[in-house]
Amino acid sequence: DMENAKPVLKKFKGWKTSLKKVRDYESLPKEARDYIEFIEDFC
């Protein structure tokens, strides 16, 4: 089943900026927070 499985993909908008200096959640771009919050809700 796993070998025959094809992924059903959901698209997310990228944030197009460096996260290297981000040190708190609120400072993340909205697009990155949207991605993370979807992961949290799904899992």
PDB file of all heavy atoms in Angstrom:
ATOM      1  N   ASP A   1       0.833  -1.208   0.000  1.00  0.00           N
ATOM      2  CA  ASP A   1       0.000   0.000   0.000  1.00  0.00           C
ATOM      3  C   ASP A   1       0.868   1.259   0.000  1.00  0.00           C
ATOM      4  O   ASP A   1       0.590   2.224  -0.717  1.00  0.00           O
ATOM      5  CB  ASP A   1      -0.925   0.021   1.214  1.00  0.00           C
ATOM      6  CG  ASP A   1      -2.143  -0.872   1.044  1.00  0.00           C
ATOM      7  OD1 ASP A   1      -2.442  -1.272  -0.111  1.00  0.00           O
ATOM      8  OD2 ASP A   1      -2.804  -1.180   2.056  1.00  0.00           O
ATOM      9  N   MET A   2       1.918   1.245   0.813  1.00  0.00           N
ATOM     10  CA  MET A   2       2.803   2.403   0.901  1.00  0.00           C
ATOM     11  C   MET A   2       3.539   2.653  -0.416  1.00  0.00           C
ATOM     12  O   MET A   2       3.728   3.800  -0.834  1.00  0.00           O
ATOM     13  CB  MET A   2       3.809   2.212   2.032  1.00  0.00           C
ATOM     14  CG  MET A   2       3.207   2.279   3.423  1.00  0.00           C
ATOM     15  SD  MET A   2       2.587   3.935   3.781  1.00  0.00           S
ATOM     16  CE  MET A   2       4.094   4.874   3.777  1.00  0.00           C
ATOM     17  N   GLU A   3       3.950   1.577  -1.074  1.00  0.00           N
ATOM     18  CA  GLU A   3       4.668   1.722  -2.341  1.00  0.00           C
ATOM     19  C   GLU A   3       3.755   2.237  -3.447  1.00  0.00           C
ATOM     20  O   GLU A   3       4.215   2.891  -4.390  1.00  0.00           O
ATOM     21  CB  GLU A   3       5.304   0.391  -2.737  1.00  0.00           C
ATOM     22  CG  GLU A   3       6.503   0.020  -1.861  1.00  0.00           C
ATOM     23  CD  GLU A   3       7.078  -1.349  -2.172  1.00  0.00           C
ATOM     24  OE1 GLU A   3       6.337  -2.167  -2.779  1.00  0.00           O
ATOM     25  OE2 GLU A   3       8.231  -1.616  -1.786  1.00  0.00           O
ATOM     26  N   ASN A   4       2.460   1.943  -3.349  1.00  0.00           N
ATOM     27  CA  ASN A   4       1.492   2.396  -4.351  1.00  0.00           C
ATOM     28  C   ASN A   4       0.893   3.764  -4.016  1.00  0.00           C
ATOM     29  O   ASN A   4       0.148   4.331  -4.820  1.00  0.00           O
ATOM     30  CB  ASN A   4       0.359   1.379  -4.491  1.00  0.00           C
ATOM     31  CG  ASN A   4       0.824   0.085  -5.136  1.00  0.00           C
ATOM     32  OD1 ASN A   4       1.739   0.086  -5.964  1.00  0.00           O
ATOM     33  ND2 ASN A   4       0.206  -1.037  -4.768  1.00  0.00           N
ATOM     34  N   ALA A   5       1.207   4.286  -2.845  1.00  0.00           N
ATOM     35  CA  ALA A   5       0.606   5.540  -2.393  1.00  0.00           C
ATOM     36  C   ALA A   5       1.174   6.740  -3.147  1.00  0.00           C
ATOM     37  O   ALA A   5       2.385   6.885  -3.293  1.00  0.00           O
ATOM     38  CB  ALA A   5       0.821   5.717  -0.892  1.00  0.00           C
ATOM     39  N   LYS A   6       0.271   7.584  -3.633  1.00  0.00           N
ATOM     40  CA  LYS A   6       0.655   8.854  -4.237  1.00  0.00           C
ATOM     41  C   LYS A   6       0.199   9.974  -3.310  1.00  0.00           C
ATOM     42  O   LYS A   6      -0.916   9.937  -2.789  1.00  0.00           O
ATOM     43  CB  LYS A   6       0.024   9.003  -5.621  1.00  0.00           C
ATOM     44  CG  LYS A   6       0.498   7.974  -6.643  1.00  0.00           C
ATOM     45  CD  LYS A   6      -0.193   8.182  -7.969  1.00  0.00           C
ATOM     46  CE  LYS A   6       0.352   7.228  -9.032  1.00  0.00           C
ATOM     47  NZ  LYS A   6       0.103   5.828  -8.676  1.00  0.00           N
ATOM     48  N   PRO A   7       1.047  10.972  -3.078  1.00  0.00           N
ATOM     49  CA  PRO A   7       0.697  12.017  -2.112  1.00  0.00           C
ATOM     50  C   PRO A   7      -0.394  12.957  -2.624  1.00  0.00           C
ATOM     51  O   PRO A   7      -0.363  13.375  -3.790  1.00  0.00           O
ATOM     52  CB  PRO A   7       2.008  12.770  -1.924  1.00  0.00           C
ATOM     53  CG  PRO A   7       2.743  12.585  -3.221  1.00  0.00           C
ATOM     54  CD  PRO A   7       2.380  11.201  -3.690  1.00  0.00           C
ATOM     55  N   VAL A   8      -1.345  13.252  -1.771  1.00  0.00           N
ATOM     56  CA  VAL A   8      -2.313  14.310  -2.032  1.00  0.00           C
ATOM     57  C   VAL A   8      -1.743  15.567  -1.369  1.00  0.00           C
ATOM     58  O   VAL A   8      -1.606  15.623  -0.148  1.00  0.00           O
ATOM     59  CB  VAL A   8      -3.707  13.963  -1.465  1.00  0.00           C
ATOM     60  CG1 VAL A   8      -4.673  15.118  -1.706  1.00  0.00           C
ATOM     61  CG2 VAL A   8      -4.226  12.664  -2.078  1.00  0.00           C
ATOM     62  N   LEU A   9      -1.396  16.567  -2.169  1.00  0.00           N
ATOM     63  CA  LEU A   9      -0.628  17.704  -1.687  1.00  0.00           C
ATOM     64  C   LEU A   9      -1.494  18.946  -1.473  1.00  0.00           C
ATOM     65  O   LEU A   9      -2.401  19.221  -2.253  1.00  0.00           O
ATOM     66  CB  LEU A   9       0.500  18.030  -2.664  1.00  0.00           C
ATOM     67  CG  LEU A   9       1.547  16.923  -2.885  1.00  0.00           C
ATOM     68  CD1 LEU A   9       2.495  17.294  -4.015  1.00  0.00           C
ATOM     69  CD2 LEU A   9       2.326  16.644  -1.610  1.00  0.00           C
ATOM     70  N   LYS A  10      -1.176  19.671  -0.408  1.00  0.00           N
ATOM     71  CA  LYS A  10      -1.783  20.971  -0.145  1.00  0.00           C
ATOM     72  C   LYS A  10      -0.717  22.033  -0.334  1.00  0.00           C
ATOM     73  O   LYS A  10       0.404  21.905   0.144  1.00  0.00           O
ATOM     74  CB  LYS A  10      -2.344  21.049   1.278  1.00  0.00           C
ATOM     75  CG  LYS A  10      -2.955  22.410   1.630  1.00  0.00           C
ATOM     76  CD  LYS A  10      -3.556  22.413   3.019  1.00  0.00           C
ATOM     77  CE  LYS A  10      -4.012  23.829   3.416  1.00  0.00           C
ATOM     78  NZ  LYS A  10      -5.046  24.364   2.477  1.00  0.00           N
ATOM     79  N   LYS A  11      -1.073  23.099  -1.038  1.00  0.00           N
ATOM     80  CA  LYS A  11      -0.137  24.172  -1.336  1.00  0.00           C
ATOM     81  C   LYS A  11      -0.190  25.266  -0.268  1.00  0.00           C
ATOM     82  O   LYS A  11      -1.262  25.588   0.258  1.00  0.00           O
ATOM     83  CB  LYS A  11      -0.447  24.776  -2.704  1.00  0.00           C
ATOM     84  CG  LYS A  11      -0.198  23.836  -3.875  1.00  0.00           C
ATOM     85  CD  LYS A  11      -0.560  24.501  -5.189  1.00  0.00           C
ATOM     86  CE  LYS A  11      -0.117  23.667  -6.387  1.00  0.00           C
ATOM     87  NZ  LYS A  11      -0.715  22.358  -6.432  1.00  0.00           N
ATOM     88  N   PHE A  12       0.988  25.818   0.023  1.00  0.00           N
ATOM     89  CA  PHE A  12       1.115  26.925   0.964  1.00  0.00           C
ATOM     90  C   PHE A  12       1.956  28.025   0.304  1.00  0.00           C
ATOM     91  O   PHE A  12       2.911  27.744  -0.420  1.00  0.00           O
ATOM     92  CB  PHE A  12       1.805  26.481   2.256  1.00  0.00           C
ATOM     93  CG  PHE A  12       1.074  25.420   3.007  1.00  0.00           C
ATOM     94  CD1 PHE A  12       1.251  24.079   2.690  1.00  0.00           C
ATOM     95  CD2 PHE A  12       0.209  25.749   4.037  1.00  0.00           C
ATOM     96  CE1 PHE A  12       0.585  23.091   3.383  1.00  0.00           C
ATOM     97  CE2 PHE A  12      -0.458  24.762   4.748  1.00  0.00           C
ATOM     98  CZ  PHE A  12      -0.278  23.436   4.411  1.00  0.00           C
ATOM     99  N   LYS A  13       1.609  29.265   0.586  1.00  0.00           N
ATOM    100  CA  LYS A  13       2.361  30.387   0.066  1.00  0.00           C
ATOM    101  C   LYS A  13       3.690  30.508   0.807  1.00  0.00           C
ATOM    102  O   LYS A  13       3.740  30.426   2.036  1.00  0.00           O
ATOM    103  CB  LYS A  13       1.553  31.678   0.205  1.00  0.00           C
ATOM    104  CG  LYS A  13       2.198  32.891  -0.466  1.00  0.00           C
ATOM    105  CD  LYS A  13       1.323  34.133  -0.305  1.00  0.00           C
ATOM    106  CE  LYS A  13       1.982  35.350  -0.963  1.00  0.00           C
ATOM    107  NZ  LYS A  13       1.153  36.576  -0.766  1.00  0.00           N
ATOM    108  N   GLY A  14       4.792  30.685   0.066  1.00  0.00           N
ATOM    109  CA  GLY A  14       6.095  30.871   0.689  1.00  0.00           C
ATOM    110  C   GLY A  14       6.241  32.250   1.288  1.00  0.00           C
ATOM    111  O   GLY A  14       5.438  33.144   1.045  1.00  0.00           O
ATOM    112  N   TRP A  15       7.316  32.442   2.092  1.00  0.00           N
ATOM    113  CA  TRP A  15       7.486  33.726   2.794  1.00  0.00           C
ATOM    114  C   TRP A  15       8.590  34.583   2.191  1.00  0.00           C
ATOM    115  O   TRP A  15       8.664  35.759   2.485  1.00  0.00           O
ATOM    116  CB  TRP A  15       7.751  33.512   4.285  1.00  0.00           C
ATOM    117  CG  TRP A  15       8.681  32.364   4.616  1.00  0.00           C
ATOM    118  CD1 TRP A  15      10.028  32.411   4.751  1.00  0.00           C
ATOM    119  CD2 TRP A  15       8.305  31.024   4.860  1.00  0.00           C
ATOM    120  NE1 TRP A  15      10.525  31.169   5.056  1.00  0.00           N
ATOM    121  CE2 TRP A  15       9.471  30.284   5.151  1.00  0.00           C
ATOM    122  CE3 TRP A  15       7.083  30.338   4.874  1.00  0.00           C
ATOM    123  CZ2 TRP A  15       9.465  28.928   5.437  1.00  0.00           C
ATOM    124  CZ3 TRP A  15       7.084  28.987   5.150  1.00  0.00           C
ATOM    125  CH2 TRP A  15       8.269  28.296   5.441  1.00  0.00           C
ATOM    126  N   LYS A  16       9.458  34.015   1.329  1.00  0.00           N
ATOM    127  CA  LYS A  16      10.427  34.767   0.545  1.00  0.00           C
ATOM    128  C   LYS A  16      11.266  35.744   1.371  1.00  0.00           C
ATOM    129  O   LYS A  16      11.541  36.862   0.954  1.00  0.00           O
ATOM    130  CB  LYS A  16       9.721  35.519  -0.593  1.00  0.00           C
ATOM    131  CG  LYS A  16       9.035  34.623  -1.607  1.00  0.00           C
ATOM    132  CD  LYS A  16      10.052  33.952  -2.523  1.00  0.00           C
ATOM    133  CE  LYS A  16      10.722  34.925  -3.444  1.00  0.00           C
ATOM    134  NZ  LYS A  16      11.736  34.297  -4.313  1.00  0.00           N
ATOM    135  N   THR A  17      11.653  35.333   2.542  1.00  0.00           N
ATOM    136  CA  THR A  17      12.528  36.151   3.375  1.00  0.00           C
ATOM    137  C   THR A  17      13.318  35.246   4.308  1.00  0.00           C
ATOM    138  O   THR A  17      12.878  34.138   4.622  1.00  0.00           O
ATOM    139  CB  THR A  17      11.718  37.186   4.187  1.00  0.00           C
ATOM    140  OG1 THR A  17      12.612  38.086   4.850  1.00  0.00           O
ATOM    141  CG2 THR A  17      10.852  36.501   5.250  1.00  0.00           C
ATOM    142  N   SER A  18      14.473  35.703   4.759  1.00  0.00           N
ATOM    143  CA  SER A  18      15.320  34.901   5.626  1.00  0.00           C
ATOM    144  C   SER A  18      14.754  34.831   7.047  1.00  0.00           C
ATOM    145  O   SER A  18      14.323  35.841   7.611  1.00  0.00           O
ATOM    146  CB  SER A  18      16.731  35.477   5.675  1.00  0.00           C
ATOM    147  OG  SER A  18      17.532  34.759   6.603  1.00  0.00           O
ATOM    148  N   LEU A  19      14.784  33.614   7.625  1.00  0.00           N
ATOM    149  CA  LEU A  19      14.337  33.413   9.007  1.00  0.00           C
ATOM    150  C   LEU A  19      15.507  33.319   9.984  1.00  0.00           C
ATOM    151  O   LEU A  19      15.294  33.119  11.175  1.00  0.00           O
ATOM    152  CB  LEU A  19      13.499  32.127   9.103  1.00  0.00           C
ATOM    153  CG  LEU A  19      12.259  32.006   8.208  1.00  0.00           C
ATOM    154  CD1 LEU A  19      11.544  30.677   8.493  1.00  0.00           C
ATOM    155  CD2 LEU A  19      11.317  33.169   8.410  1.00  0.00           C
ATOM    156  N   LYS A  20      16.727  33.457   9.497  1.00  0.00           N
ATOM    157  CA  LYS A  20      17.915  33.202  10.298  1.00  0.00           C
ATOM    158  C   LYS A  20      17.967  33.976  11.612  1.00  0.00           C
ATOM    159  O   LYS A  20      18.466  33.496  12.623  1.00  0.00           O
ATOM    160  CB  LYS A  20      19.177  33.510   9.482  1.00  0.00           C
ATOM    161  CG  LYS A  20      19.532  32.458   8.457  1.00  0.00           C
ATOM    162  CD  LYS A  20      20.108  31.222   9.114  1.00  0.00           C
ATOM    163  CE  LYS A  20      20.651  30.232   8.114  1.00  0.00           C
ATOM    164  NZ  LYS A  20      21.190  29.009   8.771  1.00  0.00           N
ATOM    165  N   LYS A  21      17.446  35.205  11.612  1.00  0.00           N
ATOM    166  CA  LYS A  21      17.548  36.041  12.808  1.00  0.00           C
ATOM    167  C   LYS A  21      16.259  36.085  13.622  1.00  0.00           C
ATOM    168  O   LYS A  21      16.186  36.816  14.613  1.00  0.00           O
ATOM    169  CB  LYS A  21      17.982  37.454  12.407  1.00  0.00           C
ATOM    170  CG  LYS A  21      19.385  37.495  11.806  1.00  0.00           C
ATOM    171  CD  LYS A  21      19.856  38.907  11.543  1.00  0.00           C
ATOM    172  CE  LYS A  21      21.281  38.910  10.987  1.00  0.00           C
ATOM    173  NZ  LYS A  21      21.774  40.222  10.730  1.00  0.00           N
ATOM    174  N   VAL A  22      15.270  35.284  13.232  1.00  0.00           N
ATOM    175  CA  VAL A  22      14.010  35.250  13.979  1.00  0.00           C
ATOM    176  C   VAL A  22      14.220  34.492  15.282  1.00  0.00           C
ATOM    177  O   VAL A  22      14.771  33.388  15.289  1.00  0.00           O
ATOM    178  CB  VAL A  22      12.892  34.581  13.147  1.00  0.00           C
ATOM    179  CG1 VAL A  22      11.620  34.440  13.984  1.00  0.00           C
ATOM    180  CG2 VAL A  22      12.609  35.385  11.891  1.00  0.00           C
ATOM    181  N   ARG A  23      13.773  35.058  16.411  1.00  0.00           N
ATOM    182  CA  ARG A  23      13.973  34.434  17.711  1.00  0.00           C
ATOM    183  C   ARG A  23      12.685  34.338  18.531  1.00  0.00           C
ATOM    184  O   ARG A  23      12.739  33.991  19.713  1.00  0.00           O
ATOM    185  CB  ARG A  23      15.028  35.193  18.526  1.00  0.00           C
ATOM    186  CG  ARG A  23      16.424  35.122  17.914  1.00  0.00           C
ATOM    187  CD  ARG A  23      17.001  33.724  17.864  1.00  0.00           C
ATOM    188  NE  ARG A  23      18.321  33.664  17.288  1.00  0.00           N
ATOM    189  CZ  ARG A  23      18.575  33.456  15.986  1.00  0.00           C
ATOM    190  NH1 ARG A  23      17.562  33.249  15.140  1.00  0.00           N
ATOM    191  NH2 ARG A  23      19.809  33.420  15.531  1.00  0.00           N
ATOM    192  N   ASP A  24      11.559  34.604  17.919  1.00  0.00           N
ATOM    193  CA  ASP A  24      10.287  34.378  18.579  1.00  0.00           C
ATOM    194  C   ASP A  24       9.214  34.138  17.529  1.00  0.00           C
ATOM    195  O   ASP A  24       9.338  34.565  16.376  1.00  0.00           O
ATOM    196  CB  ASP A  24       9.896  35.541  19.514  1.00  0.00           C
ATOM    197  CG  ASP A  24       9.704  36.859  18.767  1.00  0.00           C
ATOM    198  OD1 ASP A  24       8.622  37.069  18.198  1.00  0.00           O
ATOM    199  OD2 ASP A  24      10.668  37.648  18.745  1.00  0.00           O
ATOM    200  N   TYR A  25       8.147  33.466  17.945  1.00  0.00           N
ATOM    201  CA  TYR A  25       7.121  33.033  17.006  1.00  0.00           C
ATOM    202  C   TYR A  25       6.421  34.212  16.328  1.00  0.00           C
ATOM    203  O   TYR A  25       6.145  34.174  15.125  1.00  0.00           O
ATOM    204  CB  TYR A  25       6.101  32.154  17.732  1.00  0.00           C
ATOM    205  CG  TYR A  25       5.068  31.533  16.814  1.00  0.00           C
ATOM    206  CD1 TYR A  25       5.420  30.478  15.987  1.00  0.00           C
ATOM    207  CD2 TYR A  25       3.759  31.989  16.768  1.00  0.00           C
ATOM    208  CE1 TYR A  25       4.500  29.892  15.130  1.00  0.00           C
ATOM    209  CE2 TYR A  25       2.821  31.420  15.926  1.00  0.00           C
ATOM    210  CZ  TYR A  25       3.199  30.359  15.107  1.00  0.00           C
ATOM    211  OH  TYR A  25       2.275  29.785  14.258  1.00  0.00           O
ATOM    212  N   GLU A  26       6.156  35.231  17.076  1.00  0.00           N
ATOM    213  CA  GLU A  26       5.415  36.375  16.549  1.00  0.00           C
ATOM    214  C   GLU A  26       6.187  37.094  15.446  1.00  0.00           C
ATOM    215  O   GLU A  26       5.584  37.772  14.603  1.00  0.00           O
ATOM    216  CB  GLU A  26       5.084  37.354  17.676  1.00  0.00           C
ATOM    217  CG  GLU A  26       4.012  36.844  18.655  1.00  0.00           C
ATOM    218  CD  GLU A  26       4.517  35.707  19.536  1.00  0.00           C
ATOM    219  OE1 GLU A  26       5.749  35.638  19.792  1.00  0.00           O
ATOM    220  OE2 GLU A  26       3.698  34.874  19.963  1.00  0.00           O
ATOM    221  N   SER A  27       7.518  36.939  15.442  1.00  0.00           N
ATOM    222  CA  SER A  27       8.332  37.609  14.428  1.00  0.00           C
ATOM    223  C   SER A  27       8.412  36.829  13.118  1.00  0.00           C
ATOM    224  O   SER A  27       8.966  37.324  12.138  1.00  0.00           O
ATOM    225  CB  SER A  27       9.743  37.862  14.965  1.00  0.00           C
ATOM    226  OG  SER A  27       9.714  38.709  16.095  1.00  0.00           O
ATOM    227  N   LEU A  28       7.895  35.616  13.102  1.00  0.00           N
ATOM    228  CA  LEU A  28       7.853  34.851  11.858  1.00  0.00           C
ATOM    229  C   LEU A  28       6.900  35.514  10.864  1.00  0.00           C
ATOM    230  O   LEU A  28       5.877  36.078  11.259  1.00  0.00           O
ATOM    231  CB  LEU A  28       7.376  33.426  12.120  1.00  0.00           C
ATOM    232  CG  LEU A  28       8.341  32.439  12.768  1.00  0.00           C
ATOM    233  CD1 LEU A  28       7.614  31.145  13.111  1.00  0.00           C
ATOM    234  CD2 LEU A  28       9.534  32.130  11.860  1.00  0.00           C
ATOM    235  N   PRO A  29       7.210  35.433   9.568  1.00  0.00           N
ATOM    236  CA  PRO A  29       6.247  35.917   8.573  1.00  0.00           C
ATOM    237  C   PRO A  29       4.917  35.171   8.700  1.00  0.00           C
ATOM    238  O   PRO A  29       4.891  34.004   9.110  1.00  0.00           O
ATOM    239  CB  PRO A  29       6.926  35.596   7.236  1.00  0.00           C
ATOM    240  CG  PRO A  29       8.368  35.401   7.566  1.00  0.00           C
ATOM    241  CD  PRO A  29       8.429  34.875   8.960  1.00  0.00           C
ATOM    242  N   LYS A  30       3.836  35.841   8.329  1.00  0.00           N
ATOM    243  CA  LYS A  30       2.511  35.235   8.431  1.00  0.00           C
ATOM    244  C   LYS A  30       2.441  33.914   7.682  1.00  0.00           C
ATOM    245  O   LYS A  30       1.832  32.948   8.145  1.00  0.00           O
ATOM    246  CB  LYS A  30       1.445  36.191   7.888  1.00  0.00           C
ATOM    247  CG  LYS A  30       0.015  35.637   7.983  1.00  0.00           C
ATOM    248  CD  LYS A  30      -0.996  36.611   7.425  1.00  0.00           C
ATOM    249  CE  LYS A  30      -2.423  36.049   7.554  1.00  0.00           C
ATOM    250  NZ  LYS A  30      -2.600  34.748   6.869  1.00  0.00           N
ATOM    251  N   GLU A  31       3.087  33.841   6.529  1.00  0.00           N
ATOM    252  CA  GLU A  31       3.045  32.628   5.725  1.00  0.00           C
ATOM    253  C   GLU A  31       3.685  31.445   6.453  1.00  0.00           C
ATOM    254  O   GLU A  31       3.204  30.313   6.376  1.00  0.00           O
ATOM    255  CB  GLU A  31       3.742  32.860   4.382  1.00  0.00           C
ATOM    256  CG  GLU A  31       3.056  33.860   3.475  1.00  0.00           C
ATOM    257  CD  GLU A  31       3.393  35.299   3.810  1.00  0.00           C
ATOM    258  OE1 GLU A  31       4.211  35.543   4.744  1.00  0.00           O
ATOM    259  OE2 GLU A  31       2.865  36.200   3.117  1.00  0.00           O
ATOM    260  N   ALA A  32       4.784  31.695   7.185  1.00  0.00           N
ATOM    261  CA  ALA A  32       5.433  30.639   7.961  1.00  0.00           C
ATOM    262  C   ALA A  32       4.549  30.203   9.119  1.00  0.00           C
ATOM    263  O   ALA A  32       4.432  29.008   9.424  1.00  0.00           O
ATOM    264  CB  ALA A  32       6.795  31.112   8.479  1.00  0.00           C
ATOM    265  N   ARG A  33       3.896  31.177   9.778  1.00  0.00           N
ATOM    266  CA  ARG A  33       2.984  30.845  10.871  1.00  0.00           C
ATOM    267  C   ARG A  33       1.784  30.063  10.371  1.00  0.00           C
ATOM    268  O   ARG A  33       1.307  29.137  11.035  1.00  0.00           O
ATOM    269  CB  ARG A  33       2.545  32.119  11.597  1.00  0.00           C
ATOM    270  CG  ARG A  33       3.638  32.682  12.505  1.00  0.00           C
ATOM    271  CD  ARG A  33       3.174  33.879  13.320  1.00  0.00           C
ATOM    272  NE  ARG A  33       3.287  35.116  12.571  1.00  0.00           N
ATOM    273  CZ  ARG A  33       2.289  35.893  12.206  1.00  0.00           C
ATOM    274  NH1 ARG A  33       1.054  35.566  12.549  1.00  0.00           N
ATOM    275  NH2 ARG A  33       2.501  37.013  11.514  1.00  0.00           N
ATOM    276  N   ASP A  34       1.282  30.405   9.192  1.00  0.00           N
ATOM    277  CA  ASP A  34       0.160  29.661   8.610  1.00  0.00           C
ATOM    278  C   ASP A  34       0.537  28.206   8.368  1.00  0.00           C
ATOM    279  O   ASP A  34      -0.253  27.288   8.630  1.00  0.00           O
ATOM    280  CB  ASP A  34      -0.270  30.299   7.286  1.00  0.00           C
ATOM    281  CG  ASP A  34      -0.986  31.629   7.462  1.00  0.00           C
ATOM    282  OD1 ASP A  34      -1.417  31.936   8.603  1.00  0.00           O
ATOM    283  OD2 ASP A  34      -1.116  32.369   6.467  1.00  0.00           O
ATOM    284  N   TYR A  35       1.744  27.992   7.867  1.00  0.00           N
ATOM    285  CA  TYR A  35       2.246  26.640   7.613  1.00  0.00           C
ATOM    286  C   TYR A  35       2.332  25.849   8.916  1.00  0.00           C
ATOM    287  O   TYR A  35       1.864  24.703   9.003  1.00  0.00           O
ATOM    288  CB  TYR A  35       3.617  26.735   6.932  1.00  0.00           C
ATOM    289  CG  TYR A  35       4.252  25.420   6.531  1.00  0.00           C
ATOM    290  CD1 TYR A  35       3.596  24.515   5.710  1.00  0.00           C
ATOM    291  CD2 TYR A  35       5.539  25.102   6.961  1.00  0.00           C
ATOM    292  CE1 TYR A  35       4.197  23.320   5.323  1.00  0.00           C
ATOM    293  CE2 TYR A  35       6.153  23.920   6.575  1.00  0.00           C
ATOM    294  CZ  TYR A  35       5.475  23.033   5.758  1.00  0.00           C
ATOM    295  OH  TYR A  35       6.076  21.850   5.382  1.00  0.00           O
ATOM    296  N   ILE A  36       2.905  26.454   9.936  1.00  0.00           N
ATOM    297  CA  ILE A  36       3.072  25.799  11.237  1.00  0.00           C
ATOM    298  C   ILE A  36       1.723  25.500  11.874  1.00  0.00           C
ATOM    299  O   ILE A  36       1.503  24.391  12.403  1.00  0.00           O
ATOM    300  CB  ILE A  36       3.936  26.675  12.166  1.00  0.00           C
ATOM    301  CG1 ILE A  36       5.370  26.738  11.630  1.00  0.00           C
ATOM    302  CG2 ILE A  36       3.918  26.145  13.601  1.00  0.00           C
ATOM    303  CD1 ILE A  36       6.217  27.812  12.274  1.00  0.00           C
ATOM    304  N   GLU A  37       0.815  26.456  11.823  1.00  0.00           N
ATOM    305  CA  GLU A  37      -0.488  26.258  12.465  1.00  0.00           C
ATOM    306  C   GLU A  37      -1.334  25.207  11.757  1.00  0.00           C
ATOM    307  O   GLU A  37      -2.118  24.506  12.392  1.00  0.00           O
ATOM    308  CB  GLU A  37      -1.205  27.605  12.562  1.00  0.00           C
ATOM    309  CG  GLU A  37      -0.586  28.497  13.648  1.00  0.00           C
ATOM    310  CD  GLU A  37      -0.914  29.964  13.527  1.00  0.00           C
ATOM    311  OE1 GLU A  37      -1.938  30.282  12.852  1.00  0.00           O
ATOM    312  OE2 GLU A  37      -0.179  30.805  14.086  1.00  0.00           O
ATOM    313  N   PHE A  38      -1.147  25.077  10.453  1.00  0.00           N
ATOM    314  CA  PHE A  38      -1.822  23.981   9.758  1.00  0.00           C
ATOM    315  C   PHE A  38      -1.285  22.633  10.230  1.00  0.00           C
ATOM    316  O   PHE A  38      -2.043  21.687  10.446  1.00  0.00           O
ATOM    317  CB  PHE A  38      -1.652  24.106   8.241  1.00  0.00           C
ATOM    318  CG  PHE A  38      -2.398  23.043   7.472  1.00  0.00           C
ATOM    319  CD1 PHE A  38      -3.715  23.238   7.099  1.00  0.00           C
ATOM    320  CD2 PHE A  38      -1.798  21.826   7.157  1.00  0.00           C
ATOM    321  CE1 PHE A  38      -4.426  22.250   6.415  1.00  0.00           C
ATOM    322  CE2 PHE A  38      -2.494  20.837   6.468  1.00  0.00           C
ATOM    323  CZ  PHE A  38      -3.803  21.059   6.097  1.00  0.00           C
ATOM    324  N   ILE A  39       0.037  22.524  10.379  1.00  0.00           N
ATOM    325  CA  ILE A  39       0.656  21.301  10.889  1.00  0.00           C
ATOM    326  C   ILE A  39       0.105  20.952  12.263  1.00  0.00           C
ATOM    327  O   ILE A  39      -0.258  19.804  12.543  1.00  0.00           O
ATOM    328  CB  ILE A  39       2.194  21.449  10.936  1.00  0.00           C
ATOM    329  CG1 ILE A  39       2.765  21.572   9.525  1.00  0.00           C
ATOM    330  CG2 ILE A  39       2.832  20.276  11.683  1.00  0.00           C
ATOM    331  CD1 ILE A  39       4.230  21.977   9.484  1.00  0.00           C
ATOM    332  N   GLU A  40       0.019  21.955  13.138  1.00  0.00           N
ATOM    333  CA  GLU A  40      -0.505  21.737  14.490  1.00  0.00           C
ATOM    334  C   GLU A  40      -1.943  21.229  14.455  1.00  0.00           C
ATOM    335  O   GLU A  40      -2.306  20.279  15.152  1.00  0.00           O
ATOM    336  CB  GLU A  40      -0.434  23.027  15.294  1.00  0.00           C
ATOM    337  CG  GLU A  40       0.986  23.481  15.612  1.00  0.00           C
ATOM    338  CD  GLU A  40       1.029  24.780  16.388  1.00  0.00           C
ATOM    339  OE1 GLU A  40       0.220  25.693  16.074  1.00  0.00           O
ATOM    340  OE2 GLU A  40       1.859  24.914  17.304  1.00  0.00           O
ATOM    341  N   ASP A  41      -2.770  21.859  13.645  1.00  0.00           N
ATOM    342  CA  ASP A  41      -4.177  21.459  13.563  1.00  0.00           C
ATOM    343  C   ASP A  41      -4.309  20.051  12.990  1.00  0.00           C
ATOM    344  O   ASP A  41      -5.120  19.248  13.465  1.00  0.00           O
ATOM    345  CB  ASP A  41      -4.953  22.450  12.695  1.00  0.00           C
ATOM    346  CG  ASP A  41      -5.134  23.800  13.360  1.00  0.00           C
ATOM    347  OD1 ASP A  41      -4.970  23.882  14.606  1.00  0.00           O
ATOM    348  OD2 ASP A  41      -5.421  24.786  12.640  1.00  0.00           O
ATOM    349  N   PHE A  42      -3.516  19.753  11.976  1.00  0.00           N
ATOM    350  CA  PHE A  42      -3.606  18.445  11.325  1.00  0.00           C
ATOM    351  C   PHE A  42      -3.182  17.331  12.275  1.00  0.00           C
ATOM    352  O   PHE A  42      -3.824  16.283  12.348  1.00  0.00           O
ATOM    353  CB  PHE A  42      -2.731  18.424  10.064  1.00  0.00           C
ATOM    354  CG  PHE A  42      -2.940  17.215   9.199  1.00  0.00           C
ATOM    355  CD1 PHE A  42      -3.817  17.265   8.130  1.00  0.00           C
ATOM    356  CD2 PHE A  42      -2.268  16.027   9.436  1.00  0.00           C
ATOM    357  CE1 PHE A  42      -4.031  16.152   7.319  1.00  0.00           C
ATOM    358  CE2 PHE A  42      -2.465  14.908   8.635  1.00  0.00           C
ATOM    359  CZ  PHE A  42      -3.339  14.970   7.574  1.00  0.00           C
ATOM    360  N   CYS A  43      -2.086  17.545  13.013  1.00  0.00           N
ATOM    361  CA  CYS A  43      -1.529  16.517  13.890  1.00  0.00           C
ATOM    362  C   CYS A  43      -2.140  16.523  15.286  1.00  0.00           C
ATOM    363  O   CYS A  43      -1.971  15.564  16.038  1.00  0.00           O
ATOM    364  CB  CYS A  43      -0.009  16.681  14.008  1.00  0.00           C
ATOM    365  SG  CYS A  43       0.879  16.416  12.461  1.00  0.00           S
TER     366      CYS A  43
END
